[in-house]
Amino acid sequence: MAIYKLKINGRRYEADVESDTPLLWVLRDNLGLVGTKYGCGIAQCGACTVHMNGEALRSCVLPVSAVGDASITTIEGLSANGDHPMQQAWDEVDVAQCGYCQAGQIMTAVALLNKNPNPSTAEIENTMNGNICRCGTYHRIREAVALAATKTK
């Protein structure tokens, strides 16, 4: 066990865990940040997506020892009031059905718009296809990402 000092959502946290503990479990079990979800545990579904220094990554396979001094953003840190343009677009388009995948979907979409503020439909689809939605709301996800792109210009 070791104490890891982490910067998450602009705050400092400490976690006394094994070095190979996935960041997802540190967030959920040690720090109480439960917005990031467990889906598959093998980085295939995207439910656990967070940002590390602005890059979307799958926290279920990232050992806490690999975080170092990086800045982590979870869905809780995206906005204080749920008023991030992507979250607003998600609500306007009524994307969520069961909602389980939504935090990971939103974090992936935000990272896309941070890199490419005006993505084509194909670019949205190529990026978002890496996240699984069991309810099949892909058309609404695509629509919400495109809508958020117009709000962030």
Protein backbone atom coordinates (compact mmCIF):
# COMPACT_ATOMS: atom_id res chain seq x y z
CA MET A 1 0.00 0.00 0.00
CA ALA A 2 1.08 3.54 -0.70
CA ILE A 3 -0.43 6.96 -0.37
CA TYR A 4 -1.21 8.55 -3.72
CA LYS A 5 -1.76 12.29 -3.92
CA LEU A 6 -4.21 13.01 -6.69
CA LYS A 7 -5.60 16.17 -8.28
CA ILE A 8 -9.20 15.47 -9.19
CA ASN A 9 -11.75 18.07 -10.27
CA GLY A 10 -9.46 20.84 -9.08
CA ARG A 11 -9.14 19.42 -5.57
CA ARG A 12 -6.39 17.45 -3.86
CA TYR A 13 -7.12 13.96 -2.57
CA GLU A 14 -5.10 11.22 -0.92
CA ALA A 15 -5.73 7.53 -1.36
CA ASP A 16 -3.94 4.76 0.51
CA VAL A 17 -4.20 1.90 -1.99
CA GLU A 18 -2.15 -0.71 -3.81
CA SER A 19 -0.23 0.66 -6.81
CA ASP A 20 -2.15 -1.50 -9.29
CA THR A 21 -5.59 -0.37 -8.08
CA PRO A 22 -7.49 0.97 -11.09
CA LEU A 23 -8.25 4.68 -10.92
CA LEU A 24 -11.96 3.83 -11.28
CA TRP A 25 -11.99 2.02 -7.94
CA VAL A 26 -10.01 4.78 -6.23
CA LEU A 27 -12.56 7.32 -7.49
CA ARG A 28 -15.60 5.28 -6.50
CA ASP A 29 -14.55 3.28 -3.44
CA ASN A 30 -11.94 5.49 -1.81
CA LEU A 31 -13.02 9.01 -2.73
CA GLY A 32 -16.80 8.65 -3.10
CA LEU A 33 -16.85 10.06 -6.65
CA VAL A 34 -19.41 7.62 -8.00
CA GLY A 35 -20.46 9.42 -11.20
CA THR A 36 -17.89 7.42 -13.16
CA LYS A 37 -19.34 3.96 -13.75
CA TYR A 38 -17.99 0.44 -14.00
CA GLY A 39 -19.07 -1.25 -17.21
CA CYS A 40 -16.77 -3.97 -18.44
CA GLY A 41 -13.44 -3.69 -16.63
CA ILE A 42 -11.45 -4.16 -19.85
CA ALA A 43 -11.65 -0.64 -21.40
CA GLN A 44 -14.10 -1.68 -24.09
CA CYS A 45 -17.40 0.02 -23.16
CA GLY A 46 -16.44 3.56 -22.12
CA ALA A 47 -18.66 3.83 -19.02
CA CYS A 48 -15.57 4.63 -16.93
CA THR A 49 -14.25 7.45 -19.14
CA VAL A 50 -12.58 10.36 -17.35
CA HIS A 51 -10.16 13.04 -18.51
CA MET A 52 -6.49 12.99 -17.63
CA ASN A 53 -4.92 16.32 -18.56
CA GLY A 54 -7.86 16.83 -20.91
CA GLU A 55 -7.54 13.49 -22.70
CA ALA A 56 -10.36 10.96 -22.48
CA LEU A 57 -9.24 7.64 -21.02
CA ARG A 58 -10.71 4.52 -19.51
CA SER A 59 -10.20 4.58 -15.76
CA CYS A 60 -11.00 0.89 -15.26
CA VAL A 61 -7.60 -0.16 -16.62
CA LEU A 62 -5.45 2.80 -15.52
CA PRO A 63 -3.51 1.93 -12.37
CA VAL A 64 -3.49 4.76 -9.85
CA SER A 65 0.31 4.61 -9.89
CA ALA A 66 0.25 5.83 -13.52
CA VAL A 67 -1.61 9.05 -12.69
CA GLY A 68 1.34 10.88 -11.13
CA ASP A 69 0.84 14.65 -11.14
CA ALA A 70 -1.82 14.57 -13.85
CA SER A 71 -5.07 16.45 -13.45
CA ILE A 72 -8.11 14.18 -13.48
CA THR A 73 -11.62 15.37 -14.33
CA THR A 74 -14.64 13.22 -13.68
CA ILE A 75 -18.26 13.88 -14.61
CA GLU A 76 -18.66 15.56 -11.20
CA GLY A 77 -15.95 18.06 -12.14
CA LEU A 78 -17.29 18.91 -15.58
CA SER A 79 -19.53 21.64 -14.15
CA ALA A 80 -20.75 22.57 -10.69
CA ASN A 81 -24.41 22.79 -11.70
CA GLY A 82 -24.71 20.37 -14.63
CA ASP A 83 -24.69 23.34 -16.98
CA HIS A 84 -21.78 22.41 -19.21
CA PRO A 85 -22.85 22.89 -22.88
CA MET A 86 -22.61 19.13 -23.43
CA GLN A 87 -24.81 18.39 -20.43
CA GLN A 88 -27.32 20.98 -21.62
CA ALA A 89 -27.35 19.45 -25.10
CA TRP A 90 -27.81 15.98 -23.58
CA ASP A 91 -30.89 17.27 -21.76
CA GLU A 92 -32.27 19.17 -24.77
CA VAL A 93 -32.00 16.13 -27.03
CA ASP A 94 -33.24 13.81 -24.24
CA VAL A 95 -30.40 11.37 -24.83
CA ALA A 96 -30.55 9.25 -21.70
CA GLN A 97 -32.75 6.24 -21.30
CA CYS A 98 -31.28 4.10 -18.53
CA GLY A 99 -28.49 6.64 -18.09
CA TYR A 100 -25.79 4.19 -17.08
CA CYS A 101 -23.36 4.99 -19.91
CA GLN A 102 -24.06 8.71 -19.99
CA ALA A 103 -21.18 9.97 -17.82
CA GLY A 104 -18.66 8.14 -20.00
CA GLN A 105 -20.42 9.22 -23.18
CA ILE A 106 -20.42 12.87 -22.08
CA MET A 107 -16.76 12.80 -21.04
CA THR A 108 -15.79 11.29 -24.40
CA ALA A 109 -17.85 13.88 -26.27
CA VAL A 110 -16.37 16.79 -24.31
CA ALA A 111 -12.83 15.60 -25.07
CA LEU A 112 -13.77 15.42 -28.76
CA LEU A 113 -15.04 19.01 -28.81
CA ASN A 114 -12.02 20.22 -26.87
CA LYS A 115 -9.82 18.87 -29.66
CA ASN A 116 -12.17 19.55 -32.55
CA PRO A 117 -14.84 22.18 -31.84
CA ASN A 118 -16.57 21.62 -35.18
CA PRO A 119 -16.54 17.88 -35.89
CA SER A 120 -18.25 16.34 -38.87
CA THR A 121 -20.93 13.71 -38.40
CA ALA A 122 -18.37 11.05 -39.34
CA GLU A 123 -15.89 12.38 -36.76
CA ILE A 124 -18.57 12.34 -34.07
CA GLU A 125 -19.56 8.78 -35.00
CA ASN A 126 -15.94 7.57 -35.13
CA THR A 127 -15.20 8.99 -31.70
CA MET A 128 -18.43 8.02 -30.00
CA ASN A 129 -18.50 4.49 -31.47
CA GLY A 130 -15.93 3.53 -28.85
CA ASN A 131 -18.58 3.93 -26.14
CA ILE A 132 -21.36 1.38 -25.78
CA CYS A 133 -24.97 2.37 -25.12
CA ARG A 134 -27.07 -0.69 -24.35
CA CYS A 135 -30.24 1.32 -24.92
CA GLY A 136 -29.13 2.21 -28.45
CA THR A 137 -29.48 5.99 -28.23
CA TYR A 138 -26.63 6.50 -30.69
CA HIS A 139 -28.63 8.78 -32.99
CA ARG A 140 -29.49 11.06 -30.04
CA ILE A 141 -25.90 10.97 -28.78
CA ARG A 142 -24.70 12.09 -32.21
CA GLU A 143 -27.36 14.82 -32.29
CA ALA A 144 -26.42 16.08 -28.80
CA VAL A 145 -22.70 16.26 -29.63
CA ALA A 146 -23.48 18.24 -32.78
CA LEU A 147 -25.77 20.55 -30.80
CA ALA A 148 -23.12 21.11 -28.11
CA ALA A 149 -20.63 22.00 -30.84
CA THR A 150 -22.90 24.88 -31.87
CA LYS A 151 -23.17 26.05 -28.24
CA THR A 152 -19.42 26.14 -27.65
CA LYS A 153 -18.51 28.28 -30.65
